[in-house]
Amino acid sequence: VRRGQDAIVALDDSIVRGNTLKNAILRTLDKMGPTQIVVVSSCPQIRYPDVYGIDMAKLGDLAAFKAAIGLMKDRGMEHILDEVYKMCREELKAQLKAGHIVNHVQRIYEPFTP
């Protein structure tokens, strides 16, 4: 990398919380002095915690969730967050219908999902 002249494209095979990317990889790449760093993820977004998997983050710690929230704020769509929160609270109060729970959090991702 030629300092101040070249850009770096980094390919990440999975971004869950983004901690390794932010705290180690980006800092290391930044020390090379590129004009920009572009990160490309080669896996689908991890949008929800996996209670059966290994050390998965809480929803608020997931990189995809944080990105969606940031985009909503940038676009003036915070009202959707309030609506989803209210729907989730109501879902907790409702009787369980044949083992079916509605995932209202999906609505947060809808504006950014093709």
Protein backbone atom coordinates (compact mmCIF):
# COMPACT_ATOMS: atom_id res chain seq x y z
CA VAL A 1 0.00 0.00 0.00
CA ARG A 2 1.36 3.38 -0.97
CA ARG A 3 0.62 5.72 1.94
CA GLY A 4 -1.84 8.43 0.94
CA GLN A 5 -2.33 7.00 -2.56
CA ASP A 6 -3.94 3.56 -2.39
CA ALA A 7 -7.28 2.35 -1.05
CA ILE A 8 -7.68 -0.97 0.75
CA VAL A 9 -10.57 -3.38 0.25
CA ALA A 10 -10.92 -5.85 3.12
CA LEU A 11 -13.08 -8.96 2.77
CA ASP A 12 -14.55 -10.25 6.04
CA ASP A 13 -16.12 -13.72 6.13
CA SER A 14 -18.49 -12.87 8.99
CA ILE A 15 -19.32 -9.75 10.90
CA VAL A 16 -21.27 -10.48 14.08
CA ARG A 17 -20.56 -7.73 16.59
CA GLY A 18 -17.87 -5.94 14.61
CA ASN A 19 -15.47 -5.90 17.58
CA THR A 20 -12.58 -7.67 15.86
CA LEU A 21 -13.07 -5.59 12.76
CA LYS A 22 -13.18 -2.29 14.64
CA ASN A 23 -10.62 -2.97 17.38
CA ALA A 24 -7.98 -4.88 15.45
CA ILE A 25 -8.36 -5.14 11.69
CA LEU A 26 -9.32 -1.54 10.87
CA ARG A 27 -6.70 -0.12 13.20
CA THR A 28 -4.02 -2.27 11.59
CA LEU A 29 -5.10 -1.33 8.08
CA ASP A 30 -5.33 2.36 9.01
CA LYS A 31 -1.68 2.34 10.12
CA MET A 32 -0.77 1.63 6.48
CA GLY A 33 -2.11 5.08 5.53
CA PRO A 34 -4.61 4.26 2.77
CA THR A 35 -6.83 6.94 1.24
CA GLN A 36 -9.84 4.85 2.24
CA ILE A 37 -10.74 1.45 3.65
CA VAL A 38 -13.69 -0.44 2.20
CA VAL A 39 -14.99 -3.46 4.11
CA VAL A 40 -16.99 -6.09 2.24
CA SER A 41 -18.76 -8.89 4.09
CA SER A 42 -19.10 -12.18 2.27
CA CYS A 43 -21.78 -13.63 4.52
CA PRO A 44 -25.41 -12.75 5.15
CA GLN A 45 -26.04 -10.30 7.95
CA ILE A 46 -26.45 -11.83 11.38
CA ARG A 47 -29.57 -9.98 12.47
CA TYR A 48 -30.71 -11.87 15.55
CA PRO A 49 -28.96 -13.53 18.50
CA ASP A 50 -28.75 -17.31 18.33
CA VAL A 51 -29.63 -18.61 21.77
CA TYR A 52 -28.42 -22.09 20.81
CA GLY A 53 -25.12 -21.04 19.26
CA ILE A 54 -21.81 -20.08 20.73
CA ASP A 55 -21.22 -16.73 22.42
CA MET A 56 -23.68 -14.69 20.34
CA ALA A 57 -24.21 -11.06 21.15
CA LYS A 58 -27.38 -9.39 22.35
CA LEU A 59 -29.43 -7.83 19.58
CA GLY A 60 -28.12 -4.34 20.36
CA ASP A 61 -24.53 -5.53 19.97
CA LEU A 62 -24.94 -6.98 16.47
CA ALA A 63 -23.29 -4.97 13.68
CA ALA A 64 -26.28 -5.38 11.33
CA PHE A 65 -28.68 -4.07 13.99
CA LYS A 66 -26.49 -1.08 14.82
CA ALA A 67 -26.16 -0.29 11.10
CA ALA A 68 -29.94 -0.48 10.59
CA ILE A 69 -30.56 1.81 13.57
CA GLY A 70 -27.97 4.28 12.28
CA LEU A 71 -29.54 4.31 8.82
CA MET A 72 -32.99 4.85 10.31
CA LYS A 73 -31.77 7.82 12.32
CA ASP A 74 -30.00 9.28 9.27
CA ARG A 75 -33.22 8.97 7.25
CA GLY A 76 -35.56 10.29 9.93
CA MET A 77 -37.26 6.93 10.43
CA GLU A 78 -36.96 6.71 14.23
CA HIS A 79 -40.75 6.40 14.50
CA ILE A 80 -40.39 2.82 13.25
CA LEU A 81 -38.20 2.01 16.26
CA ASP A 82 -40.88 3.32 18.62
CA GLU A 83 -43.58 1.35 16.80
CA VAL A 84 -41.55 -1.88 16.86
CA TYR A 85 -40.82 -1.44 20.56
CA LYS A 86 -44.53 -1.00 21.32
CA MET A 87 -45.47 -4.03 19.19
CA CYS A 88 -42.86 -6.17 20.99
CA ARG A 89 -44.18 -5.10 24.39
CA GLU A 90 -47.73 -5.98 23.31
CA GLU A 91 -46.54 -9.34 21.97
CA LEU A 92 -45.14 -10.18 25.40
CA LYS A 93 -48.54 -9.49 26.97
CA ALA A 94 -50.51 -11.52 24.41
CA GLN A 95 -51.34 -15.17 24.88
CA LEU A 96 -49.05 -17.56 23.05
CA LYS A 97 -50.98 -18.70 19.97
CA ALA A 98 -50.08 -22.33 19.25
CA GLY A 99 -46.41 -21.66 19.94
CA HIS A 100 -46.26 -18.76 17.48
CA ILE A 101 -44.51 -15.52 18.34
CA VAL A 102 -44.33 -12.68 15.81
CA ASN A 103 -40.84 -11.26 15.24
CA HIS A 104 -41.64 -7.54 15.03
CA VAL A 105 -37.93 -6.66 14.94
CA GLN A 106 -37.92 -7.75 11.28
CA ARG A 107 -39.67 -4.47 10.50
CA ILE A 108 -36.47 -2.60 11.40
CA TYR A 109 -34.64 -4.34 8.54
CA GLU A 110 -37.43 -4.05 5.93
CA PRO A 111 -36.38 -0.65 4.48
CA PHE A 112 -32.88 -2.04 3.81
CA THR A 113 -33.79 -5.52 2.58
CA PRO A 114 -34.21 -6.15 -1.15
